[in-house]
């Protein structure tokens, strides 16, 4: 149980750093930020700071920085790309920090080099996991297996395991958000880069619908598999 709470805390901190990347670039371009949401509802904390509403929710792996489109009219296409890439970049730096710490604790930078190599092949692993979750073996789908694996690593590895899990969580956030599917950061960056072109404006609503459908399907699969496990099936 303690390990589950630790993993949940790590997820929320990872999301906070990711959204901080977006927030920082918005502020750099003097775009007022209306809201910063960390986690999903139910909301357990709400507060305001300098006109920005902050919310903390119980559900991990969700986050958003809310601005008004009219307040960001001065942003160029490349500015928008920088805004959306800033979040994944923050996650990448957090992942590298975790893996460097892991290598130091293991007493060899060789472990850090292996971790860096793992980051490079994450896209292949991630796409494979998504494909299996949607169309193939669902035995590893859901939050329960994820908490079992990460909790086990922390329990057995102590601080080393904590650093490894932190690095892995942020690496997944980095690559997953770079997928060129709206509403993920990668999809939004691609849209902003080509916004205004007729074919983009026609395709974008369908791409957004597809992306939302995929995210909804993955969430439903995870929930259904977890419920099935709890029922002993």
C-alpha atoms as a PDB file:
ATOM      1  CA  UNK A   1       0.000   0.000   0.000  1.00  0.00           C
ATOM      2  CA  UNK A   2       2.833   2.380   0.862  1.00  0.00           C
ATOM      3  CA  UNK A   3       4.471   1.717  -2.517  1.00  0.00           C
ATOM      4  CA  UNK A   4       1.198   2.519  -4.309  1.00  0.00           C
ATOM      5  CA  UNK A   5       0.987   5.865  -2.536  1.00  0.00           C
ATOM      6  CA  UNK A   6       4.616   6.585  -3.444  1.00  0.00           C
ATOM      7  CA  UNK A   7       3.980   5.796  -7.122  1.00  0.00           C
ATOM      8  CA  UNK A   8       0.856   8.012  -7.104  1.00  0.00           C
ATOM      9  CA  UNK A   9       2.914  10.831  -5.595  1.00  0.00           C
ATOM     10  CA  UNK A  10       5.639  10.355  -8.221  1.00  0.00           C
ATOM     11  CA  UNK A  11       3.005  10.495 -10.977  1.00  0.00           C
ATOM     12  CA  UNK A  12       1.572  13.739  -9.688  1.00  0.00           C
ATOM     13  CA  UNK A  13       5.017  15.324  -9.336  1.00  0.00           C
ATOM     14  CA  UNK A  14       5.925  14.155 -12.854  1.00  0.00           C
ATOM     15  CA  UNK A  15       2.717  15.675 -14.233  1.00  0.00           C
ATOM     16  CA  UNK A  16       3.405  18.886 -12.299  1.00  0.00           C
ATOM     17  CA  UNK A  17       6.868  19.213 -13.870  1.00  0.00           C
ATOM     18  CA  UNK A  18       5.430  18.457 -17.317  1.00  0.00           C
ATOM     19  CA  UNK A  19       2.763  21.142 -16.991  1.00  0.00           C
ATOM     20  CA  UNK A  20       5.314  23.529 -15.499  1.00  0.00           C
ATOM     21  CA  UNK A  21       7.149  23.318 -18.810  1.00  0.00           C
ATOM     22  CA  UNK A  22       4.045  24.511 -20.678  1.00  0.00           C
ATOM     23  CA  UNK A  23       3.286  27.138 -18.025  1.00  0.00           C
ATOM     24  CA  UNK A  24       6.811  28.585 -18.129  1.00  0.00           C
ATOM     25  CA  UNK A  25       6.763  29.111 -21.897  1.00  0.00           C
ATOM     26  CA  UNK A  26       3.268  30.629 -21.795  1.00  0.00           C
ATOM     27  CA  UNK A  27       4.480  33.089 -19.182  1.00  0.00           C
ATOM     28  CA  UNK A  28       7.619  33.788 -21.217  1.00  0.00           C
ATOM     29  CA  UNK A  29       5.378  34.856 -24.096  1.00  0.00           C
ATOM     30  CA  UNK A  30       3.206  36.868 -21.683  1.00  0.00           C
ATOM     31  CA  UNK A  31       0.114  34.753 -22.172  1.00  0.00           C
ATOM     32  CA  UNK A  32      -2.170  34.848 -19.091  1.00  0.00           C
ATOM     33  CA  UNK A  33      -2.708  31.358 -17.690  1.00  0.00           C
ATOM     34  CA  UNK A  34      -6.267  30.807 -16.462  1.00  0.00           C
ATOM     35  CA  UNK A  35      -5.794  27.376 -14.939  1.00  0.00           C
ATOM     36  CA  UNK A  36      -3.278  24.639 -14.166  1.00  0.00           C
ATOM     37  CA  UNK A  37      -4.810  21.214 -13.558  1.00  0.00           C
ATOM     38  CA  UNK A  38      -2.759  18.403 -12.059  1.00  0.00           C
ATOM     39  CA  UNK A  39      -4.486  15.041 -12.116  1.00  0.00           C
ATOM     40  CA  UNK A  40      -8.128  14.462 -12.877  1.00  0.00           C
ATOM     41  CA  UNK A  41     -11.327  14.850 -10.848  1.00  0.00           C
ATOM     42  CA  UNK A  42     -12.409  14.478  -8.124  1.00  0.00           C
ATOM     43  CA  UNK A  43     -10.536  17.639  -7.124  1.00  0.00           C
ATOM     44  CA  UNK A  44      -9.056  17.539  -3.633  1.00  0.00           C
ATOM     45  CA  UNK A  45      -7.397  20.972  -3.634  1.00  0.00           C
ATOM     46  CA  UNK A  46      -8.147  24.275  -5.357  1.00  0.00           C
ATOM     47  CA  UNK A  47      -6.342  27.567  -4.965  1.00  0.00           C
ATOM     48  CA  UNK A  48      -5.628  30.749  -6.916  1.00  0.00           C
ATOM     49  CA  UNK A  49      -2.305  32.465  -7.437  1.00  0.00           C
ATOM     50  CA  UNK A  50      -1.900  35.662  -9.468  1.00  0.00           C
ATOM     51  CA  UNK A  51      -5.118  35.041 -11.386  1.00  0.00           C
ATOM     52  CA  UNK A  52      -4.309  31.398 -12.132  1.00  0.00           C
ATOM     53  CA  UNK A  53      -6.588  28.724 -10.702  1.00  0.00           C
ATOM     54  CA  UNK A  54      -4.737  25.569  -9.668  1.00  0.00           C
ATOM     55  CA  UNK A  55      -6.446  22.243  -9.103  1.00  0.00           C
ATOM     56  CA  UNK A  56      -5.118  18.966  -7.732  1.00  0.00           C
ATOM     57  CA  UNK A  57      -7.087  15.824  -8.560  1.00  0.00           C
ATOM     58  CA  UNK A  58      -6.902  12.240  -7.358  1.00  0.00           C
ATOM     59  CA  UNK A  59      -6.632  10.604 -10.788  1.00  0.00           C
ATOM     60  CA  UNK A  60      -2.991  10.586 -11.993  1.00  0.00           C
ATOM     61  CA  UNK A  61      -1.601  10.903 -15.536  1.00  0.00           C
ATOM     62  CA  UNK A  62      -3.836  13.849 -16.438  1.00  0.00           C
ATOM     63  CA  UNK A  63      -2.839  17.478 -16.633  1.00  0.00           C
ATOM     64  CA  UNK A  64      -3.574  20.689 -18.488  1.00  0.00           C
ATOM     65  CA  UNK A  65      -2.644  24.353 -18.694  1.00  0.00           C
ATOM     66  CA  UNK A  66      -5.629  26.474 -19.715  1.00  0.00           C
ATOM     67  CA  UNK A  67      -5.363  29.761 -21.625  1.00  0.00           C
ATOM     68  CA  UNK A  68      -7.755  31.822 -23.725  1.00  0.00           C
ATOM     69  CA  UNK A  69      -7.126  31.745 -27.463  1.00  0.00           C
ATOM     70  CA  UNK A  70      -7.620  35.516 -27.709  1.00  0.00           C
ATOM     71  CA  UNK A  71      -4.803  36.093 -25.204  1.00  0.00           C
ATOM     72  CA  UNK A  72      -2.393  34.104 -27.385  1.00  0.00           C
ATOM     73  CA  UNK A  73      -3.075  35.680 -30.771  1.00  0.00           C
ATOM     74  CA  UNK A  74       0.422  37.118 -30.882  1.00  0.00           C
ATOM     75  CA  UNK A  75       2.032  33.666 -30.816  1.00  0.00           C
ATOM     76  CA  UNK A  76       3.534  32.477 -34.094  1.00  0.00           C
ATOM     77  CA  UNK A  77       3.358  28.869 -35.276  1.00  0.00           C
ATOM     78  CA  UNK A  78       6.857  28.214 -33.932  1.00  0.00           C
ATOM     79  CA  UNK A  79       5.922  29.834 -30.610  1.00  0.00           C
ATOM     80  CA  UNK A  80       3.033  27.396 -30.293  1.00  0.00           C
ATOM     81  CA  UNK A  81       5.341  24.484 -31.112  1.00  0.00           C
ATOM     82  CA  UNK A  82       7.687  25.637 -28.334  1.00  0.00           C
ATOM     83  CA  UNK A  83       4.756  25.812 -25.918  1.00  0.00           C
ATOM     84  CA  UNK A  84       3.677  22.243 -26.647  1.00  0.00           C
ATOM     85  CA  UNK A  85       7.197  20.790 -26.792  1.00  0.00           C
ATOM     86  CA  UNK A  86       8.136  22.403 -23.463  1.00  0.00           C
ATOM     87  CA  UNK A  87       6.103  19.869 -21.480  1.00  0.00           C
ATOM     88  CA  UNK A  88       7.712  16.754 -23.007  1.00  0.00           C
ATOM     89  CA  UNK A  89      11.131  18.414 -22.746  1.00  0.00           C
ATOM     90  CA  UNK A  90      10.601  18.928 -19.001  1.00  0.00           C
ATOM     91  CA  UNK A  91       9.648  15.250 -18.726  1.00  0.00           C
ATOM     92  CA  UNK A  92      12.777  14.229 -20.650  1.00  0.00           C
ATOM     93  CA  UNK A  93      15.034  16.244 -18.345  1.00  0.00           C
ATOM     94  CA  UNK A  94      13.303  14.722 -15.307  1.00  0.00           C
ATOM     95  CA  UNK A  95      13.795  11.236 -16.774  1.00  0.00           C
ATOM     96  CA  UNK A  96      17.490  11.871 -17.396  1.00  0.00           C
ATOM     97  CA  UNK A  97      17.902  13.176 -13.843  1.00  0.00           C
ATOM     98  CA  UNK A  98      16.276  10.032 -12.460  1.00  0.00           C
ATOM     99  CA  UNK A  99      18.427   7.694 -14.515  1.00  0.00           C
ATOM    100  CA  UNK A 100      21.630   9.601 -13.665  1.00  0.00           C
ATOM    101  CA  UNK A 101      20.759   9.293  -9.972  1.00  0.00           C
ATOM    102  CA  UNK A 102      20.040   5.595 -10.492  1.00  0.00           C
ATOM    103  CA  UNK A 103      23.460   5.098 -12.096  1.00  0.00           C
ATOM    104  CA  UNK A 104      25.193   6.971  -9.278  1.00  0.00           C
ATOM    105  CA  UNK A 105      23.413   4.884  -6.639  1.00  0.00           C
ATOM    106  CA  UNK A 106      24.312   1.698  -8.518  1.00  0.00           C
ATOM    107  CA  UNK A 107      27.928   2.844  -8.457  1.00  0.00           C
ATOM    108  CA  UNK A 108      28.458   2.743 -12.217  1.00  0.00           C
ATOM    109  CA  UNK A 109      27.662   5.155 -15.010  1.00  0.00           C
ATOM    110  CA  UNK A 110      27.179   2.087 -17.201  1.00  0.00           C
ATOM    111  CA  UNK A 111      23.681   1.794 -15.729  1.00  0.00           C
ATOM    112  CA  UNK A 112      23.015   5.409 -16.703  1.00  0.00           C
ATOM    113  CA  UNK A 113      24.160   4.712 -20.268  1.00  0.00           C
ATOM    114  CA  UNK A 114      21.853   1.692 -20.419  1.00  0.00           C
ATOM    115  CA  UNK A 115      18.998   3.885 -19.189  1.00  0.00           C
ATOM    116  CA  UNK A 116      19.737   6.483 -21.874  1.00  0.00           C
ATOM    117  CA  UNK A 117      19.636   3.704 -24.483  1.00  0.00           C
ATOM    118  CA  UNK A 118      16.317   2.546 -23.043  1.00  0.00           C
ATOM    119  CA  UNK A 119      14.896   6.061 -23.536  1.00  0.00           C
ATOM    120  CA  UNK A 120      15.808   5.868 -27.231  1.00  0.00           C
ATOM    121  CA  UNK A 121      13.900   2.606 -27.770  1.00  0.00           C
ATOM    122  CA  UNK A 122      10.911   3.681 -25.664  1.00  0.00           C
ATOM    123  CA  UNK A 123       8.864   4.598 -28.797  1.00  0.00           C
ATOM    124  CA  UNK A 124       9.044   1.005 -30.048  1.00  0.00           C
ATOM    125  CA  UNK A 125       8.060  -0.383 -26.662  1.00  0.00           C
ATOM    126  CA  UNK A 126       5.313   2.202 -26.224  1.00  0.00           C
ATOM    127  CA  UNK A 127       3.736   1.591 -29.627  1.00  0.00           C
ATOM    128  CA  UNK A 128       3.917  -2.154 -29.019  1.00  0.00           C
ATOM    129  CA  UNK A 129       2.189  -1.803 -25.634  1.00  0.00           C
ATOM    130  CA  UNK A 130      -0.532   0.416 -27.128  1.00  0.00           C
ATOM    131  CA  UNK A 131      -1.135  -2.074 -29.941  1.00  0.00           C
ATOM    132  CA  UNK A 132      -1.378  -5.003 -27.530  1.00  0.00           C
ATOM    133  CA  UNK A 133      -3.674  -3.015 -25.233  1.00  0.00           C
ATOM    134  CA  UNK A 134      -6.066  -2.229 -28.090  1.00  0.00           C
ATOM    135  CA  UNK A 135      -5.932  -5.385 -30.196  1.00  0.00           C
ATOM    136  CA  UNK A 136      -3.993  -8.118 -28.462  1.00  0.00           C
ATOM    137  CA  UNK A 137      -3.149  -9.599 -25.099  1.00  0.00           C
ATOM    138  CA  UNK A 138      -4.790  -7.575 -22.344  1.00  0.00           C
ATOM    139  CA  UNK A 139      -3.180  -9.419 -19.453  1.00  0.00           C
ATOM    140  CA  UNK A 140      -0.837  -6.519 -18.712  1.00  0.00           C
ATOM    141  CA  UNK A 141      -3.407  -3.759 -19.274  1.00  0.00           C
ATOM    142  CA  UNK A 142      -4.694  -1.684 -16.406  1.00  0.00           C
ATOM    143  CA  UNK A 143      -3.393   0.232 -13.435  1.00  0.00           C
ATOM    144  CA  UNK A 144      -3.083  -2.775 -11.115  1.00  0.00           C
ATOM    145  CA  UNK A 145      -0.209  -4.476 -13.034  1.00  0.00           C
ATOM    146  CA  UNK A 146       1.544  -1.129 -13.361  1.00  0.00           C
ATOM    147  CA  UNK A 147       1.348  -0.489  -9.620  1.00  0.00           C
ATOM    148  CA  UNK A 148       2.437  -4.079  -8.923  1.00  0.00           C
ATOM    149  CA  UNK A 149       5.542  -3.728 -11.089  1.00  0.00           C
ATOM    150  CA  UNK A 150       6.565  -0.226 -10.004  1.00  0.00           C
ATOM    151  CA  UNK A 151       5.709  -0.923  -6.360  1.00  0.00           C
ATOM    152  CA  UNK A 152       7.805  -4.087  -6.475  1.00  0.00           C
ATOM    153  CA  UNK A 153      10.769  -2.193  -7.913  1.00  0.00           C
ATOM    154  CA  UNK A 154      10.567   0.420  -5.151  1.00  0.00           C
ATOM    155  CA  UNK A 155      10.073  -2.190  -2.436  1.00  0.00           C
ATOM    156  CA  UNK A 156      13.050  -4.283  -3.525  1.00  0.00           C
ATOM    157  CA  UNK A 157      15.346  -1.513  -4.724  1.00  0.00           C
ATOM    158  CA  UNK A 158      14.752   1.178  -2.132  1.00  0.00           C
ATOM    159  CA  UNK A 159      16.153   4.540  -3.228  1.00  0.00           C
ATOM    160  CA  UNK A 160      17.631   2.940  -6.363  1.00  0.00           C
ATOM    161  CA  UNK A 161      14.216   1.599  -7.302  1.00  0.00           C
ATOM    162  CA  UNK A 162      12.649   4.982  -6.608  1.00  0.00           C
ATOM    163  CA  UNK A 163      15.094   6.700  -8.985  1.00  0.00           C
ATOM    164  CA  UNK A 164      14.490   4.040 -11.650  1.00  0.00           C
ATOM    165  CA  UNK A 165      10.697   4.326 -11.435  1.00  0.00           C
ATOM    166  CA  UNK A 166      10.921   8.128 -11.540  1.00  0.00           C
ATOM    167  CA  UNK A 167      13.044   7.977 -14.671  1.00  0.00           C
ATOM    168  CA  UNK A 168      10.754   5.450 -16.350  1.00  0.00           C
ATOM    169  CA  UNK A 169       7.560   7.381 -15.564  1.00  0.00           C
ATOM    170  CA  UNK A 170       8.978  10.578 -17.039  1.00  0.00           C
ATOM    171  CA  UNK A 171      10.355   8.775 -20.085  1.00  0.00           C
ATOM    172  CA  UNK A 172       6.882   7.391 -20.796  1.00  0.00           C
ATOM    173  CA  UNK A 173       5.383  10.879 -20.362  1.00  0.00           C
ATOM    174  CA  UNK A 174       7.971  12.286 -22.752  1.00  0.00           C
ATOM    175  CA  UNK A 175       7.391   9.851 -25.589  1.00  0.00           C
ATOM    176  CA  UNK A 176       3.649   9.363 -25.118  1.00  0.00           C
ATOM    177  CA  UNK A 177       2.978  13.095 -25.294  1.00  0.00           C
ATOM    178  CA  UNK A 178       5.072  13.414 -28.441  1.00  0.00           C
ATOM    179  CA  UNK A 179       2.763  11.081 -30.366  1.00  0.00           C
ATOM    180  CA  UNK A 180       1.387  13.150 -33.304  1.00  0.00           C
ATOM    181  CA  UNK A 181      -2.206  12.609 -32.187  1.00  0.00           C
ATOM    182  CA  UNK A 182      -4.391  15.421 -30.823  1.00  0.00           C
ATOM    183  CA  UNK A 183      -5.032  16.248 -28.017  1.00  0.00           C
ATOM    184  CA  UNK A 184      -1.505  15.105 -27.056  1.00  0.00           C
ATOM    185  CA  UNK A 185       1.294  17.670 -27.224  1.00  0.00           C
ATOM    186  CA  UNK A 186       2.788  16.203 -30.377  1.00  0.00           C
ATOM    187  CA  UNK A 187      -0.523  16.356 -32.223  1.00  0.00           C
ATOM    188  CA  UNK A 188      -1.199  19.911 -31.059  1.00  0.00           C
ATOM    189  CA  UNK A 189       2.288  21.013 -32.130  1.00  0.00           C
ATOM    190  CA  UNK A 190       1.804  19.530 -35.611  1.00  0.00           C
ATOM    191  CA  UNK A 191      -1.577  21.250 -35.912  1.00  0.00           C
ATOM    192  CA  UNK A 192      -0.208  24.636 -34.862  1.00  0.00           C
ATOM    193  CA  UNK A 193       2.719  24.285 -37.253  1.00  0.00           C
ATOM    194  CA  UNK A 194       0.381  23.900 -40.241  1.00  0.00           C
ATOM    195  CA  UNK A 195      -2.648  25.802 -38.911  1.00  0.00           C
ATOM    196  CA  UNK A 196      -4.488  27.919 -41.446  1.00  0.00           C
ATOM    197  CA  UNK A 197      -4.070  25.539 -44.344  1.00  0.00           C
ATOM    198  CA  UNK A 198      -7.351  24.275 -45.685  1.00  0.00           C
ATOM    199  CA  UNK A 199      -6.472  20.591 -45.644  1.00  0.00           C
ATOM    200  CA  UNK A 200      -5.291  20.860 -42.021  1.00  0.00           C
ATOM    201  CA  UNK A 201      -8.497  22.564 -40.892  1.00  0.00           C
ATOM    202  CA  UNK A 202     -10.519  19.832 -42.595  1.00  0.00           C
ATOM    203  CA  UNK A 203      -8.486  16.944 -41.206  1.00  0.00           C
ATOM    204  CA  UNK A 204      -7.963  18.244 -37.665  1.00  0.00           C
ATOM    205  CA  UNK A 205     -11.506  17.593 -36.286  1.00  0.00           C
ATOM    206  CA  UNK A 206     -11.250  13.962 -37.447  1.00  0.00           C
ATOM    207  CA  UNK A 207      -7.732  13.612 -36.038  1.00  0.00           C
ATOM    208  CA  UNK A 208      -8.897  15.069 -32.725  1.00  0.00           C
ATOM    209  CA  UNK A 209     -11.865  12.691 -32.630  1.00  0.00           C
ATOM    210  CA  UNK A 210      -9.583   9.744 -33.387  1.00  0.00           C
ATOM    211  CA  UNK A 211      -7.133  10.775 -30.680  1.00  0.00           C
ATOM    212  CA  UNK A 212      -9.866  11.179 -28.075  1.00  0.00           C
ATOM    213  CA  UNK A 213     -11.323   7.807 -29.084  1.00  0.00           C
ATOM    214  CA  UNK A 214      -7.942   6.111 -28.642  1.00  0.00           C
ATOM    215  CA  UNK A 215      -7.386   7.685 -25.223  1.00  0.00           C
ATOM    216  CA  UNK A 216     -10.935   6.771 -24.180  1.00  0.00           C
ATOM    217  CA  UNK A 217     -10.454   3.194 -25.390  1.00  0.00           C
ATOM    218  CA  UNK A 218      -7.188   2.815 -23.484  1.00  0.00           C
ATOM    219  CA  UNK A 219      -8.810   4.189 -20.325  1.00  0.00           C
ATOM    220  CA  UNK A 220     -11.823   1.878 -20.660  1.00  0.00           C
ATOM    221  CA  UNK A 221      -9.614  -1.148 -21.280  1.00  0.00           C
ATOM    222  CA  UNK A 222      -7.576  -0.349 -18.178  1.00  0.00           C
ATOM    223  CA  UNK A 223     -10.689   0.114 -16.023  1.00  0.00           C
ATOM    224  CA  UNK A 224     -12.422  -3.042 -17.301  1.00  0.00           C
ATOM    225  CA  UNK A 225      -9.337  -5.190 -16.804  1.00  0.00           C
ATOM    226  CA  UNK A 226      -8.836  -3.848 -13.285  1.00  0.00           C
ATOM    227  CA  UNK A 227     -12.478  -4.518 -12.406  1.00  0.00           C
ATOM    228  CA  UNK A 228     -12.146  -8.054 -13.790  1.00  0.00           C
ATOM    229  CA  UNK A 229      -9.077  -8.662 -11.638  1.00  0.00           C
ATOM    230  CA  UNK A 230     -10.813  -7.385  -8.514  1.00  0.00           C
ATOM    231  CA  UNK A 231     -13.712  -9.736  -9.221  1.00  0.00           C
ATOM    232  CA  UNK A 232     -11.276 -12.622  -9.553  1.00  0.00           C
ATOM    233  CA  UNK A 233     -11.891 -13.378 -13.215  1.00  0.00           C
END
